[in-house]
Amino acid sequence: MIRKVNLIIATGQNNLAMNRTMAQIARHFVKGAQITEGVLNRLDAGIRAFDPCLSCSTHAVGMMPLHVQLIGPDGGVRDEVWRN
């Protein structure tokens, strides 16, 4: 029986690095106002690099559930992609 536990969860510890990586990928690979499959795959790989939990890291490449929005300078959604 576990009476007390202190967990350090990788997702929480790596959140800042994941966010910065997502922004860097977006700045480098998003061209125009459309999210391509290539961008989704790069975002998938960026998350996978920082989140070692089995439910996330064992998805086949291109199969990780993602919801990505491309927000324009005016704050409006220019493109939105759901991948299950």
PDB file of N, CA and C in Angstrom:
ATOM      1  N   MET A   1       0.837  -1.161   0.000  1.00  0.00           N
ATOM      2  CA  MET A   1       0.000   0.000   0.000  1.00  0.00           C
ATOM      3  C   MET A   1       0.893   1.238   0.000  1.00  0.00           C
ATOM      4  N   ILE A   2       0.614   2.122  -0.916  1.00  0.00           N
ATOM      5  CA  ILE A   2       1.361   3.379  -0.992  1.00  0.00           C
ATOM      6  C   ILE A   2       0.644   4.399  -0.107  1.00  0.00           C
ATOM      7  N   ARG A   3       1.372   4.958   0.818  1.00  0.00           N
ATOM      8  CA  ARG A   3       0.775   5.941   1.732  1.00  0.00           C
ATOM      9  C   ARG A   3       1.126   7.371   1.343  1.00  0.00           C
ATOM     10  N   LYS A   4       2.253   7.575   0.716  1.00  0.00           N
ATOM     11  CA  LYS A   4       2.659   8.908   0.293  1.00  0.00           C
ATOM     12  C   LYS A   4       3.556   8.759  -0.928  1.00  0.00           C
ATOM     13  N   VAL A   5       3.361   9.616  -1.892  1.00  0.00           N
ATOM     14  CA  VAL A   5       4.174   9.559  -3.100  1.00  0.00           C
ATOM     15  C   VAL A   5       4.395  10.976  -3.627  1.00  0.00           C
ATOM     16  N   ASN A   6       5.550  11.195  -4.171  1.00  0.00           N
ATOM     17  CA  ASN A   6       5.887  12.474  -4.796  1.00  0.00           C
ATOM     18  C   ASN A   6       6.382  12.154  -6.199  1.00  0.00           C
ATOM     19  N   LEU A   7       5.570  12.442  -7.202  1.00  0.00           N
ATOM     20  CA  LEU A   7       5.912  12.109  -8.579  1.00  0.00           C
ATOM     21  C   LEU A   7       6.415  13.328  -9.335  1.00  0.00           C
ATOM     22  N   ILE A   8       7.412  13.125 -10.133  1.00  0.00           N
ATOM     23  CA  ILE A   8       7.883  14.151 -11.056  1.00  0.00           C
ATOM     24  C   ILE A   8       7.478  13.671 -12.442  1.00  0.00           C
ATOM     25  N   ILE A   9       6.477  14.327 -13.002  1.00  0.00           N
ATOM     26  CA  ILE A   9       5.918  13.906 -14.284  1.00  0.00           C
ATOM     27  C   ILE A   9       6.643  14.634 -15.415  1.00  0.00           C
ATOM     28  N   ALA A  10       7.135  13.873 -16.378  1.00  0.00           N
ATOM     29  CA  ALA A  10       7.918  14.447 -17.475  1.00  0.00           C
ATOM     30  C   ALA A  10       7.138  15.498 -18.246  1.00  0.00           C
ATOM     31  N   THR A  11       5.856  15.281 -18.461  1.00  0.00           N
ATOM     32  CA  THR A  11       5.070  16.247 -19.222  1.00  0.00           C
ATOM     33  C   THR A  11       5.110  17.617 -18.554  1.00  0.00           C
ATOM     34  N   GLY A  12       4.933  17.660 -17.247  1.00  0.00           N
ATOM     35  CA  GLY A  12       4.974  18.931 -16.522  1.00  0.00           C
ATOM     36  C   GLY A  12       6.358  19.540 -16.490  1.00  0.00           C
ATOM     37  N   GLN A  13       7.365  18.722 -16.314  1.00  0.00           N
ATOM     38  CA  GLN A  13       8.741  19.216 -16.262  1.00  0.00           C
ATOM     39  C   GLN A  13       9.204  19.755 -17.612  1.00  0.00           C
ATOM     40  N   ASN A  14       8.712  19.166 -18.687  1.00  0.00           N
ATOM     41  CA  ASN A  14       9.172  19.521 -20.028  1.00  0.00           C
ATOM     42  C   ASN A  14       8.224  20.456 -20.774  1.00  0.00           C
ATOM     43  N   ASN A  15       7.204  20.956 -20.098  1.00  0.00           N
ATOM     44  CA  ASN A  15       6.195  21.769 -20.767  1.00  0.00           C
ATOM     45  C   ASN A  15       6.785  22.996 -21.455  1.00  0.00           C
ATOM     46  N   LEU A  16       7.646  23.729 -20.788  1.00  0.00           N
ATOM     47  CA  LEU A  16       8.245  24.927 -21.384  1.00  0.00           C
ATOM     48  C   LEU A  16       9.050  24.572 -22.624  1.00  0.00           C
ATOM     49  N   ALA A  17       9.851  23.518 -22.542  1.00  0.00           N
ATOM     50  CA  ALA A  17      10.659  23.100 -23.695  1.00  0.00           C
ATOM     51  C   ALA A  17       9.766  22.656 -24.849  1.00  0.00           C
ATOM     52  N   MET A  18       8.677  21.928 -24.544  1.00  0.00           N
ATOM     53  CA  MET A  18       7.749  21.513 -25.608  1.00  0.00           C
ATOM     54  C   MET A  18       7.104  22.722 -26.269  1.00  0.00           C
ATOM     55  N   ASN A  19       6.663  23.705 -25.466  1.00  0.00           N
ATOM     56  CA  ASN A  19       6.038  24.900 -26.029  1.00  0.00           C
ATOM     57  C   ASN A  19       7.000  25.668 -26.924  1.00  0.00           C
ATOM     58  N   ARG A  20       8.230  25.806 -26.478  1.00  0.00           N
ATOM     59  CA  ARG A  20       9.230  26.515 -27.295  1.00  0.00           C
ATOM     60  C   ARG A  20       9.530  25.754 -28.584  1.00  0.00           C
ATOM     61  N   THR A  21       9.570  24.437 -28.493  1.00  0.00           N
ATOM     62  CA  THR A  21       9.814  23.625 -29.686  1.00  0.00           C
ATOM     63  C   THR A  21       8.667  23.754 -30.676  1.00  0.00           C
ATOM     64  N   MET A  22       7.420  23.743 -30.179  1.00  0.00           N
ATOM     65  CA  MET A  22       6.263  23.900 -31.071  1.00  0.00           C
ATOM     66  C   MET A  22       6.312  25.244 -31.787  1.00  0.00           C
ATOM     67  N   ALA A  23       6.658  26.302 -31.052  1.00  0.00           N
ATOM     68  CA  ALA A  23       6.756  27.637 -31.653  1.00  0.00           C
ATOM     69  C   ALA A  23       7.870  27.684 -32.694  1.00  0.00           C
ATOM     70  N   GLN A  24       9.006  27.055 -32.386  1.00  0.00           N
ATOM     71  CA  GLN A  24      10.132  27.040 -33.320  1.00  0.00           C
ATOM     72  C   GLN A  24       9.771  26.271 -34.594  1.00  0.00           C
ATOM     73  N   ILE A  25       9.114  25.130 -34.446  1.00  0.00           N
ATOM     74  CA  ILE A  25       8.681  24.354 -35.609  1.00  0.00           C
ATOM     75  C   ILE A  25       7.707  25.178 -36.444  1.00  0.00           C
ATOM     76  N   ALA A  26       6.752  25.830 -35.796  1.00  0.00           N
ATOM     77  CA  ALA A  26       5.768  26.633 -36.521  1.00  0.00           C
ATOM     78  C   ALA A  26       6.444  27.763 -37.291  1.00  0.00           C
ATOM     79  N   ARG A  27       7.351  28.481 -36.634  1.00  0.00           N
ATOM     80  CA  ARG A  27       8.031  29.592 -37.318  1.00  0.00           C
ATOM     81  C   ARG A  27       8.835  29.114 -38.526  1.00  0.00           C
ATOM     82  N   HIS A  28       9.427  27.947 -38.405  1.00  0.00           N
ATOM     83  CA  HIS A  28      10.306  27.460 -39.471  1.00  0.00           C
ATOM     84  C   HIS A  28       9.563  26.761 -40.613  1.00  0.00           C
ATOM     85  N   PHE A  29       8.501  26.028 -40.295  1.00  0.00           N
ATOM     86  CA  PHE A  29       7.892  25.162 -41.302  1.00  0.00           C
ATOM     87  C   PHE A  29       6.509  25.579 -41.791  1.00  0.00           C
ATOM     88  N   VAL A  30       5.803  26.444 -41.078  1.00  0.00           N
ATOM     89  CA  VAL A  30       4.485  26.870 -41.558  1.00  0.00           C
ATOM     90  C   VAL A  30       4.701  27.977 -42.580  1.00  0.00           C
ATOM     91  N   LYS A  31       4.255  27.718 -43.787  1.00  0.00           N
ATOM     92  CA  LYS A  31       4.354  28.686 -44.884  1.00  0.00           C
ATOM     93  C   LYS A  31       2.940  28.976 -45.359  1.00  0.00           C
ATOM     94  N   GLY A  32       2.552  30.235 -45.341  1.00  0.00           N
ATOM     95  CA  GLY A  32       1.201  30.581 -45.758  1.00  0.00           C
ATOM     96  C   GLY A  32       0.203  30.360 -44.635  1.00  0.00           C
ATOM     97  N   ALA A  33      -1.038  30.127 -45.019  1.00  0.00           N
ATOM     98  CA  ALA A  33      -2.116  30.031 -44.030  1.00  0.00           C
ATOM     99  C   ALA A  33      -2.699  28.626 -43.943  1.00  0.00           C
ATOM    100  N   GLN A  34      -1.852  27.616 -44.163  1.00  0.00           N
ATOM    101  CA  GLN A  34      -2.355  26.245 -44.122  1.00  0.00           C
ATOM    102  C   GLN A  34      -1.397  25.348 -43.346  1.00  0.00           C
ATOM    103  N   ILE A  35      -1.980  24.451 -42.555  1.00  0.00           N
ATOM    104  CA  ILE A  35      -1.201  23.469 -41.791  1.00  0.00           C
ATOM    105  C   ILE A  35      -1.121  22.210 -42.642  1.00  0.00           C
ATOM    106  N   THR A  36       0.090  21.823 -43.015  1.00  0.00           N
ATOM    107  CA  THR A  36       0.275  20.645 -43.862  1.00  0.00           C
ATOM    108  C   THR A  36       0.529  19.400 -43.023  1.00  0.00           C
ATOM    109  N   GLU A  37       0.439  18.246 -43.643  1.00  0.00           N
ATOM    110  CA  GLU A  37       0.726  16.981 -42.963  1.00  0.00           C
ATOM    111  C   GLU A  37       2.178  16.950 -42.491  1.00  0.00           C
ATOM    112  N   GLY A  38       3.084  17.544 -43.272  1.00  0.00           N
ATOM    113  CA  GLY A  38       4.487  17.609 -42.872  1.00  0.00           C
ATOM    114  C   GLY A  38       4.684  18.379 -41.580  1.00  0.00           C
ATOM    115  N   VAL A  39       3.965  19.486 -41.422  1.00  0.00           N
ATOM    116  CA  VAL A  39       4.038  20.266 -40.179  1.00  0.00           C
ATOM    117  C   VAL A  39       3.497  19.442 -39.017  1.00  0.00           C
ATOM    118  N   LEU A  40       2.377  18.756 -39.238  1.00  0.00           N
ATOM    119  CA  LEU A  40       1.816  17.903 -38.180  1.00  0.00           C
ATOM    120  C   LEU A  40       2.818  16.842 -37.746  1.00  0.00           C
ATOM    121  N   ASN A  41       3.496  16.230 -38.703  1.00  0.00           N
ATOM    122  CA  ASN A  41       4.479  15.195 -38.371  1.00  0.00           C
ATOM    123  C   ASN A  41       5.646  15.772 -37.571  1.00  0.00           C
ATOM    124  N   ARG A  42       6.072  16.979 -37.909  1.00  0.00           N
ATOM    125  CA  ARG A  42       7.171  17.609 -37.162  1.00  0.00           C
ATOM    126  C   ARG A  42       6.733  17.974 -35.748  1.00  0.00           C
ATOM    127  N   LEU A  43       5.495  18.467 -35.600  1.00  0.00           N
ATOM    128  CA  LEU A  43       4.973  18.764 -34.265  1.00  0.00           C
ATOM    129  C   LEU A  43       4.878  17.491 -33.435  1.00  0.00           C
ATOM    130  N   ASP A  44       4.406  16.421 -34.071  1.00  0.00           N
ATOM    131  CA  ASP A  44       4.310  15.105 -33.433  1.00  0.00           C
ATOM    132  C   ASP A  44       5.684  14.685 -32.904  1.00  0.00           C
ATOM    133  N   ALA A  45       6.716  14.819 -33.739  1.00  0.00           N
ATOM    134  CA  ALA A  45       8.077  14.433 -33.342  1.00  0.00           C
ATOM    135  C   ALA A  45       8.600  15.331 -32.220  1.00  0.00           C
ATOM    136  N   GLY A  46       8.249  16.622 -32.263  1.00  0.00           N
ATOM    137  CA  GLY A  46       8.678  17.541 -31.212  1.00  0.00           C
ATOM    138  C   GLY A  46       8.095  17.177 -29.861  1.00  0.00           C
ATOM    139  N   ILE A  47       6.828  16.799 -29.842  1.00  0.00           N
ATOM    140  CA  ILE A  47       6.194  16.370 -28.590  1.00  0.00           C
ATOM    141  C   ILE A  47       6.815  15.066 -28.111  1.00  0.00           C
ATOM    142  N   ARG A  48       6.985  14.138 -29.020  1.00  0.00           N
ATOM    143  CA  ARG A  48       7.541  12.824 -28.694  1.00  0.00           C
ATOM    144  C   ARG A  48       8.943  12.929 -28.082  1.00  0.00           C
ATOM    145  N   ALA A  49       9.714  13.924 -28.528  1.00  0.00           N
ATOM    146  CA  ALA A  49      11.081  14.087 -28.031  1.00  0.00           C
ATOM    147  C   ALA A  49      11.121  14.459 -26.548  1.00  0.00           C
ATOM    148  N   PHE A  50      10.077  15.130 -26.059  1.00  0.00           N
ATOM    149  CA  PHE A  50      10.082  15.616 -24.681  1.00  0.00           C
ATOM    150  C   PHE A  50       9.156  14.857 -23.750  1.00  0.00           C
ATOM    151  N   ASP A  51       8.240  14.053 -24.282  1.00  0.00           N
ATOM    152  CA  ASP A  51       7.246  13.394 -23.440  1.00  0.00           C
ATOM    153  C   ASP A  51       7.413  11.883 -23.526  1.00  0.00           C
ATOM    154  N   PRO A  52       8.140  11.296 -22.579  1.00  0.00           N
ATOM    155  CA  PRO A  52       8.437   9.868 -22.660  1.00  0.00           C
ATOM    156  C   PRO A  52       7.335   8.945 -22.139  1.00  0.00           C
ATOM    157  N   CYS A  53       6.152   9.486 -21.809  1.00  0.00           N
ATOM    158  CA  CYS A  53       5.115   8.594 -21.288  1.00  0.00           C
ATOM    159  C   CYS A  53       4.718   7.589 -22.368  1.00  0.00           C
ATOM    160  N   LEU A  54       4.467   6.374 -21.978  1.00  0.00           N
ATOM    161  CA  LEU A  54       4.206   5.312 -22.951  1.00  0.00           C
ATOM    162  C   LEU A  54       3.011   5.591 -23.837  1.00  0.00           C
ATOM    163  N   SER A  55       1.960   6.199 -23.300  1.00  0.00           N
ATOM    164  CA  SER A  55       0.784   6.441 -24.128  1.00  0.00           C
ATOM    165  C   SER A  55       1.072   7.425 -25.247  1.00  0.00           C
ATOM    166  N   CYS A  56       2.040   8.318 -25.050  1.00  0.00           N
ATOM    167  CA  CYS A  56       2.374   9.292 -26.096  1.00  0.00           C
ATOM    168  C   CYS A  56       3.508   8.796 -26.988  1.00  0.00           C
ATOM    169  N   SER A  57       4.522   8.221 -26.398  1.00  0.00           N
ATOM    170  CA  SER A  57       5.719   7.892 -27.172  1.00  0.00           C
ATOM    171  C   SER A  57       5.585   6.632 -28.005  1.00  0.00           C
ATOM    172  N   THR A  58       4.585   5.811 -27.733  1.00  0.00           N
ATOM    173  CA  THR A  58       4.468   4.570 -28.493  1.00  0.00           C
ATOM    174  C   THR A  58       3.482   4.654 -29.651  1.00  0.00           C
ATOM    175  N   HIS A  59       2.833   5.794 -29.846  1.00  0.00           N
ATOM    176  CA  HIS A  59       1.974   5.935 -31.022  1.00  0.00           C
ATOM    177  C   HIS A  59       2.843   5.833 -32.269  1.00  0.00           C
ATOM    178  N   ALA A  60       2.307   5.228 -33.306  1.00  0.00           N
ATOM    179  CA  ALA A  60       3.025   5.191 -34.575  1.00  0.00           C
ATOM    180  C   ALA A  60       3.147   6.625 -35.088  1.00  0.00           C
ATOM    181  N   VAL A  61       4.250   6.915 -35.756  1.00  0.00           N
ATOM    182  CA  VAL A  61       4.452   8.253 -36.296  1.00  0.00           C
ATOM    183  C   VAL A  61       3.282   8.591 -37.205  1.00  0.00           C
ATOM    184  N   GLY A  62       2.735   9.781 -37.021  1.00  0.00           N
ATOM    185  CA  GLY A  62       1.590  10.214 -37.808  1.00  0.00           C
ATOM    186  C   GLY A  62       0.258   9.786 -37.236  1.00  0.00           C
ATOM    187  N   MET A  63       0.260   9.104 -36.069  1.00  0.00           N
ATOM    188  CA  MET A  63      -0.982   8.605 -35.486  1.00  0.00           C
ATOM    189  C   MET A  63      -1.309   9.265 -34.144  1.00  0.00           C
ATOM    190  N   MET A  64      -0.438  10.144 -33.644  1.00  0.00           N
ATOM    191  CA  MET A  64      -0.703  10.800 -32.371  1.00  0.00           C
ATOM    192  C   MET A  64      -1.879  11.760 -32.544  1.00  0.00           C
ATOM    193  N   PRO A  65      -2.875  11.684 -31.675  1.00  0.00           N
ATOM    194  CA  PRO A  65      -3.994  12.627 -31.760  1.00  0.00           C
ATOM    195  C   PRO A  65      -3.488  14.061 -31.561  1.00  0.00           C
ATOM    196  N   LEU A  66      -3.829  14.938 -32.492  1.00  0.00           N
ATOM    197  CA  LEU A  66      -3.396  16.338 -32.410  1.00  0.00           C
ATOM    198  C   LEU A  66      -4.555  17.260 -32.765  1.00  0.00           C
ATOM    199  N   HIS A  67      -4.578  18.413 -32.135  1.00  0.00           N
ATOM    200  CA  HIS A  67      -5.477  19.502 -32.510  1.00  0.00           C
ATOM    201  C   HIS A  67      -4.594  20.728 -32.637  1.00  0.00           C
ATOM    202  N   VAL A  68      -4.456  21.231 -33.857  1.00  0.00           N
ATOM    203  CA  VAL A  68      -3.544  22.341 -34.125  1.00  0.00           C
ATOM    204  C   VAL A  68      -4.334  23.481 -34.748  1.00  0.00           C
ATOM    205  N   GLN A  69      -4.143  24.682 -34.213  1.00  0.00           N
ATOM    206  CA  GLN A  69      -4.762  25.876 -34.776  1.00  0.00           C
ATOM    207  C   GLN A  69      -3.657  26.830 -35.217  1.00  0.00           C
ATOM    208  N   LEU A  70      -3.843  27.409 -36.391  1.00  0.00           N
ATOM    209  CA  LEU A  70      -2.940  28.437 -36.895  1.00  0.00           C
ATOM    210  C   LEU A  70      -3.649  29.774 -36.673  1.00  0.00           C
ATOM    211  N   ILE A  71      -3.090  30.589 -35.778  1.00  0.00           N
ATOM    212  CA  ILE A  71      -3.689  31.862 -35.400  1.00  0.00           C
ATOM    213  C   ILE A  71      -2.957  32.988 -36.119  1.00  0.00           C
ATOM    214  N   GLY A  72      -3.717  33.848 -36.782  1.00  0.00           N
ATOM    215  CA  GLY A  72      -3.142  34.982 -37.500  1.00  0.00           C
ATOM    216  C   GLY A  72      -2.833  36.147 -36.574  1.00  0.00           C
ATOM    217  N   PRO A  73      -2.158  37.164 -37.090  1.00  0.00           N
ATOM    218  CA  PRO A  73      -1.797  38.337 -36.290  1.00  0.00           C
ATOM    219  C   PRO A  73      -3.011  39.056 -35.684  1.00  0.00           C
ATOM    220  N   ASP A  74      -4.166  38.920 -36.340  1.00  0.00           N
ATOM    221  CA  ASP A  74      -5.378  39.563 -35.844  1.00  0.00           C
ATOM    222  C   ASP A  74      -6.086  38.734 -34.770  1.00  0.00           C
ATOM    223  N   GLY A  75      -5.524  37.552 -34.449  1.00  0.00           N
ATOM    224  CA  GLY A  75      -6.116  36.677 -33.437  1.00  0.00           C
ATOM    225  C   GLY A  75      -7.132  35.705 -33.987  1.00  0.00           C
ATOM    226  N   GLY A  76      -7.420  35.787 -35.281  1.00  0.00           N
ATOM    227  CA  GLY A  76      -8.374  34.879 -35.908  1.00  0.00           C
ATOM    228  C   GLY A  76      -7.736  33.555 -36.296  1.00  0.00           C
ATOM    229  N   VAL A  77      -8.546  32.504 -36.330  1.00  0.00           N
ATOM    230  CA  VAL A  77      -8.059  31.178 -36.721  1.00  0.00           C
ATOM    231  C   VAL A  77      -7.981  31.122 -38.242  1.00  0.00           C
ATOM    232  N   ARG A  78      -6.778  30.906 -38.769  1.00  0.00           N
ATOM    233  CA  ARG A  78      -6.578  30.820 -40.218  1.00  0.00           C
ATOM    234  C   ARG A  78      -6.734  29.396 -40.737  1.00  0.00           C
ATOM    235  N   ASP A  79      -6.334  28.425 -39.914  1.00  0.00           N
ATOM    236  CA  ASP A  79      -6.489  27.015 -40.278  1.00  0.00           C
ATOM    237  C   ASP A  79      -6.559  26.227 -38.982  1.00  0.00           C
ATOM    238  N   GLU A  80      -7.234  25.089 -39.061  1.00  0.00           N
ATOM    239  CA  GLU A  80      -7.399  24.220 -37.895  1.00  0.00           C
ATOM    240  C   GLU A  80      -7.423  22.786 -38.385  1.00  0.00           C
ATOM    241  N   VAL A  81      -6.659  21.940 -37.717  1.00  0.00           N
ATOM    242  CA  VAL A  81      -6.573  20.535 -38.115  1.00  0.00           C
ATOM    243  C   VAL A  81      -6.750  19.662 -36.874  1.00  0.00           C
ATOM    244  N   TRP A  82      -7.605  18.671 -36.992  1.00  0.00           N
ATOM    245  CA  TRP A  82      -7.785  17.639 -35.950  1.00  0.00           C
ATOM    246  C   TRP A  82      -7.266  16.337 -36.543  1.00  0.00           C
ATOM    247  N   ARG A  83      -6.403  15.673 -35.812  1.00  0.00           N
ATOM    248  CA  ARG A  83      -5.947  14.347 -36.244  1.00  0.00           C
ATOM    249  C   ARG A  83      -6.150  13.389 -35.094  1.00  0.00           C
ATOM    250  N   ASN A  84      -6.908  12.346 -35.325  1.00  0.00           N
ATOM    251  CA  ASN A  84      -7.171  11.356 -34.273  1.00  0.00           C
ATOM    252  C   ASN A  84      -6.381  10.150 -34.538  1.00  0.00           C
TER     253      ASN A  84
END
